[in-house]
């Protein structure tokens, strides 16, 4: 499982943010959590918010900058021959 860093700037925001995760799936879940937090911010007072996968894809596509960096660590053991 690679260590993952997500760099992003969301629509209507002036600064970039970054998050780090221990795996690829955690990083993708993190993007979903950011999307859900954005929905809550845009719909204060709404107790239950529902969305479709198309809404999530639109959120990702509308982001001016989003990059995923995956770091794979390989350890090699050298033997004395």
N, C-alpha and C. Protein backbone atom coordinates (compact mmCIF):
# COMPACT_ATOMS: atom_id res chain seq x y z
N UNK A 1 0.84 -1.17 0.00
CA UNK A 1 0.00 0.00 0.00
C UNK A 1 0.89 1.24 0.00
N UNK A 2 0.73 2.06 -0.99
CA UNK A 2 1.58 3.25 -1.08
C UNK A 2 1.09 4.39 -0.20
N UNK A 3 2.03 5.13 0.31
CA UNK A 3 1.71 6.38 1.00
C UNK A 3 1.21 7.34 -0.08
N UNK A 4 0.15 8.09 0.20
CA UNK A 4 -0.48 8.92 -0.81
C UNK A 4 -0.65 10.35 -0.31
N UNK A 5 -0.31 11.31 -1.15
CA UNK A 5 -0.52 12.72 -0.87
C UNK A 5 -1.45 13.28 -1.94
N UNK A 6 -2.46 14.02 -1.50
CA UNK A 6 -3.41 14.65 -2.41
C UNK A 6 -3.23 16.16 -2.31
N UNK A 7 -2.93 16.78 -3.43
CA UNK A 7 -2.84 18.23 -3.52
C UNK A 7 -4.06 18.72 -4.29
N UNK A 8 -4.72 19.76 -3.76
CA UNK A 8 -5.90 20.24 -4.48
C UNK A 8 -6.19 21.71 -4.18
N UNK A 9 -6.81 22.31 -5.15
CA UNK A 9 -7.42 23.64 -4.99
C UNK A 9 -8.83 23.50 -5.49
N UNK A 10 -9.77 23.81 -4.63
CA UNK A 10 -11.17 23.66 -4.98
C UNK A 10 -11.70 24.91 -5.65
N UNK A 11 -12.78 24.73 -6.37
CA UNK A 11 -13.45 25.84 -7.04
C UNK A 11 -13.80 26.91 -6.00
N UNK A 12 -13.60 28.16 -6.34
CA UNK A 12 -13.91 29.31 -5.48
C UNK A 12 -12.97 29.44 -4.27
N UNK A 13 -11.86 28.74 -4.27
CA UNK A 13 -10.88 28.91 -3.20
C UNK A 13 -9.58 29.41 -3.79
N UNK A 14 -8.87 30.24 -3.01
CA UNK A 14 -7.66 30.88 -3.53
C UNK A 14 -6.38 30.16 -3.16
N UNK A 15 -6.45 29.24 -2.22
CA UNK A 15 -5.21 28.58 -1.83
C UNK A 15 -5.31 27.07 -2.00
N UNK A 16 -4.16 26.48 -2.17
CA UNK A 16 -4.07 25.03 -2.32
C UNK A 16 -4.04 24.38 -0.95
N UNK A 17 -4.54 23.16 -0.87
CA UNK A 17 -4.46 22.39 0.36
C UNK A 17 -3.88 21.03 0.02
N UNK A 18 -3.39 20.35 1.04
CA UNK A 18 -2.88 19.01 0.83
C UNK A 18 -3.28 18.13 2.00
N UNK A 19 -3.37 16.86 1.72
CA UNK A 19 -3.69 15.86 2.74
C UNK A 19 -2.83 14.64 2.46
N UNK A 20 -2.48 13.93 3.51
CA UNK A 20 -1.73 12.70 3.30
C UNK A 20 -2.48 11.51 3.90
N UNK A 21 -2.31 10.38 3.26
CA UNK A 21 -3.04 9.17 3.62
C UNK A 21 -2.08 7.98 3.57
N UNK A 22 -2.47 6.92 4.24
CA UNK A 22 -1.62 5.73 4.28
C UNK A 22 -1.85 4.77 3.12
N UNK A 23 -2.92 5.00 2.34
CA UNK A 23 -3.18 4.12 1.21
C UNK A 23 -3.97 4.86 0.13
N UNK A 24 -4.04 4.26 -1.03
CA UNK A 24 -4.81 4.84 -2.14
C UNK A 24 -6.29 4.94 -1.79
N UNK A 25 -6.84 3.88 -1.23
CA UNK A 25 -8.27 3.88 -0.91
C UNK A 25 -8.60 4.93 0.15
N UNK A 26 -7.70 5.13 1.13
CA UNK A 26 -7.91 6.18 2.12
C UNK A 26 -7.91 7.56 1.45
N UNK A 27 -7.07 7.74 0.46
CA UNK A 27 -7.01 9.03 -0.25
C UNK A 27 -8.32 9.29 -1.00
N UNK A 28 -8.83 8.28 -1.68
CA UNK A 28 -10.08 8.46 -2.40
C UNK A 28 -11.25 8.67 -1.44
N UNK A 29 -11.23 7.98 -0.30
CA UNK A 29 -12.25 8.23 0.73
C UNK A 29 -12.12 9.66 1.26
N UNK A 30 -10.89 10.15 1.38
CA UNK A 30 -10.66 11.52 1.84
C UNK A 30 -11.27 12.54 0.90
N UNK A 31 -11.16 12.32 -0.40
CA UNK A 31 -11.77 13.23 -1.37
C UNK A 31 -13.29 13.20 -1.22
N UNK A 32 -13.85 12.03 -0.97
CA UNK A 32 -15.30 11.93 -0.74
C UNK A 32 -15.70 12.69 0.51
N UNK A 33 -14.90 12.59 1.58
CA UNK A 33 -15.20 13.33 2.82
C UNK A 33 -15.12 14.84 2.60
N UNK A 34 -14.16 15.28 1.80
CA UNK A 34 -14.05 16.71 1.48
C UNK A 34 -15.29 17.17 0.71
N UNK A 35 -15.73 16.34 -0.24
CA UNK A 35 -16.95 16.65 -0.99
C UNK A 35 -18.16 16.73 -0.07
N UNK A 36 -18.28 15.77 0.85
CA UNK A 36 -19.41 15.77 1.77
C UNK A 36 -19.37 16.98 2.70
N UNK A 37 -18.17 17.38 3.15
CA UNK A 37 -18.05 18.57 3.99
C UNK A 37 -18.48 19.81 3.22
N UNK A 38 -18.13 19.85 1.94
CA UNK A 38 -18.53 20.98 1.09
C UNK A 38 -20.05 21.04 0.94
N UNK A 39 -20.68 19.87 0.78
CA UNK A 39 -22.14 19.83 0.69
C UNK A 39 -22.79 20.34 1.98
N UNK A 40 -22.24 19.94 3.12
CA UNK A 40 -22.78 20.41 4.40
C UNK A 40 -22.62 21.92 4.55
N UNK A 41 -21.49 22.44 4.09
CA UNK A 41 -21.24 23.88 4.16
C UNK A 41 -22.22 24.65 3.26
N UNK A 42 -22.51 24.11 2.09
CA UNK A 42 -23.41 24.76 1.14
C UNK A 42 -24.88 24.60 1.52
N UNK A 43 -25.19 23.64 2.39
CA UNK A 43 -26.57 23.36 2.78
C UNK A 43 -26.71 23.33 4.30
N UNK A 44 -26.41 24.45 4.96
CA UNK A 44 -26.50 24.44 6.43
C UNK A 44 -27.96 24.24 6.87
N UNK A 45 -28.12 23.52 7.93
CA UNK A 45 -29.47 23.29 8.44
C UNK A 45 -30.16 22.10 7.82
N UNK A 46 -29.62 21.54 6.76
CA UNK A 46 -30.21 20.36 6.15
C UNK A 46 -29.71 19.13 6.89
N UNK A 47 -30.64 18.34 7.41
CA UNK A 47 -30.25 17.20 8.24
C UNK A 47 -29.73 16.03 7.41
N UNK A 48 -30.35 15.80 6.28
CA UNK A 48 -29.94 14.66 5.44
C UNK A 48 -29.66 15.17 4.04
N UNK A 49 -28.44 14.94 3.59
CA UNK A 49 -28.03 15.35 2.25
C UNK A 49 -27.73 14.08 1.45
N UNK A 50 -28.31 13.99 0.28
CA UNK A 50 -28.02 12.85 -0.59
C UNK A 50 -27.34 13.35 -1.85
N UNK A 51 -26.52 12.48 -2.42
CA UNK A 51 -25.86 12.82 -3.67
C UNK A 51 -25.64 11.57 -4.49
N UNK A 52 -25.37 11.79 -5.74
CA UNK A 52 -25.15 10.73 -6.72
C UNK A 52 -23.67 10.73 -7.10
N UNK A 53 -23.20 9.65 -7.65
CA UNK A 53 -21.80 9.56 -8.08
C UNK A 53 -21.50 10.63 -9.13
N UNK A 54 -22.49 11.01 -9.92
CA UNK A 54 -22.31 12.07 -10.92
C UNK A 54 -21.98 13.40 -10.24
N UNK A 55 -22.59 13.64 -9.07
CA UNK A 55 -22.30 14.87 -8.32
C UNK A 55 -20.85 14.87 -7.84
N UNK A 56 -20.39 13.72 -7.37
CA UNK A 56 -18.99 13.61 -6.93
C UNK A 56 -18.04 13.83 -8.10
N UNK A 57 -18.33 13.22 -9.24
CA UNK A 57 -17.48 13.41 -10.41
C UNK A 57 -17.47 14.87 -10.87
N UNK A 58 -18.60 15.54 -10.81
CA UNK A 58 -18.66 16.96 -11.17
C UNK A 58 -17.78 17.79 -10.23
N UNK A 59 -17.84 17.48 -8.94
CA UNK A 59 -17.00 18.16 -7.95
C UNK A 59 -15.52 18.01 -8.30
N UNK A 60 -15.12 16.81 -8.65
CA UNK A 60 -13.72 16.54 -9.00
C UNK A 60 -13.35 17.25 -10.29
N UNK A 61 -14.20 17.19 -11.29
CA UNK A 61 -13.92 17.82 -12.58
C UNK A 61 -13.86 19.34 -12.48
N UNK A 62 -14.64 19.94 -11.57
CA UNK A 62 -14.66 21.39 -11.43
C UNK A 62 -13.49 21.93 -10.62
N UNK A 63 -12.77 21.06 -9.95
CA UNK A 63 -11.60 21.50 -9.18
C UNK A 63 -10.52 21.95 -10.16
N UNK A 64 -10.03 23.18 -10.01
CA UNK A 64 -9.00 23.66 -10.94
C UNK A 64 -7.70 22.86 -10.87
N UNK A 65 -7.36 22.38 -9.68
CA UNK A 65 -6.13 21.60 -9.49
C UNK A 65 -6.41 20.45 -8.53
N UNK A 66 -6.03 19.26 -8.95
CA UNK A 66 -6.10 18.10 -8.06
C UNK A 66 -5.06 17.10 -8.55
N UNK A 67 -4.19 16.69 -7.64
CA UNK A 67 -3.14 15.74 -8.01
C UNK A 67 -2.96 14.72 -6.90
N UNK A 68 -2.71 13.49 -7.30
CA UNK A 68 -2.44 12.39 -6.37
C UNK A 68 -1.00 11.94 -6.58
N UNK A 69 -0.26 11.84 -5.49
CA UNK A 69 1.11 11.34 -5.54
C UNK A 69 1.17 10.06 -4.72
N UNK A 70 1.61 8.98 -5.37
CA UNK A 70 1.70 7.69 -4.72
C UNK A 70 3.17 7.34 -4.53
N UNK A 71 3.54 7.06 -3.30
CA UNK A 71 4.92 6.71 -2.97
C UNK A 71 5.00 5.23 -2.65
N UNK A 72 5.73 4.50 -3.46
CA UNK A 72 5.93 3.08 -3.24
C UNK A 72 7.31 2.88 -2.66
N UNK A 73 7.38 2.16 -1.57
CA UNK A 73 8.66 1.89 -0.93
C UNK A 73 9.02 0.43 -1.18
N UNK A 74 10.17 0.24 -1.78
CA UNK A 74 10.65 -1.11 -2.02
C UNK A 74 11.95 -1.29 -1.24
N UNK A 75 12.02 -2.33 -0.48
CA UNK A 75 13.21 -2.61 0.29
C UNK A 75 13.88 -3.83 -0.32
N UNK A 76 15.15 -3.70 -0.56
CA UNK A 76 15.92 -4.81 -1.11
C UNK A 76 16.95 -5.24 -0.07
N UNK A 77 17.12 -6.50 0.04
CA UNK A 77 18.12 -7.02 0.96
C UNK A 77 19.30 -7.50 0.13
N UNK A 78 20.45 -6.99 0.43
CA UNK A 78 21.65 -7.38 -0.28
C UNK A 78 22.33 -8.50 0.47
N UNK A 79 22.71 -9.51 -0.26
CA UNK A 79 23.38 -10.67 0.35
C UNK A 79 24.86 -10.63 -0.01
N UNK A 80 25.68 -11.00 0.93
CA UNK A 80 27.11 -11.14 0.65
C UNK A 80 27.32 -12.47 -0.04
N UNK A 81 27.89 -12.40 -1.24
CA UNK A 81 28.12 -13.64 -2.00
C UNK A 81 29.52 -14.10 -1.86
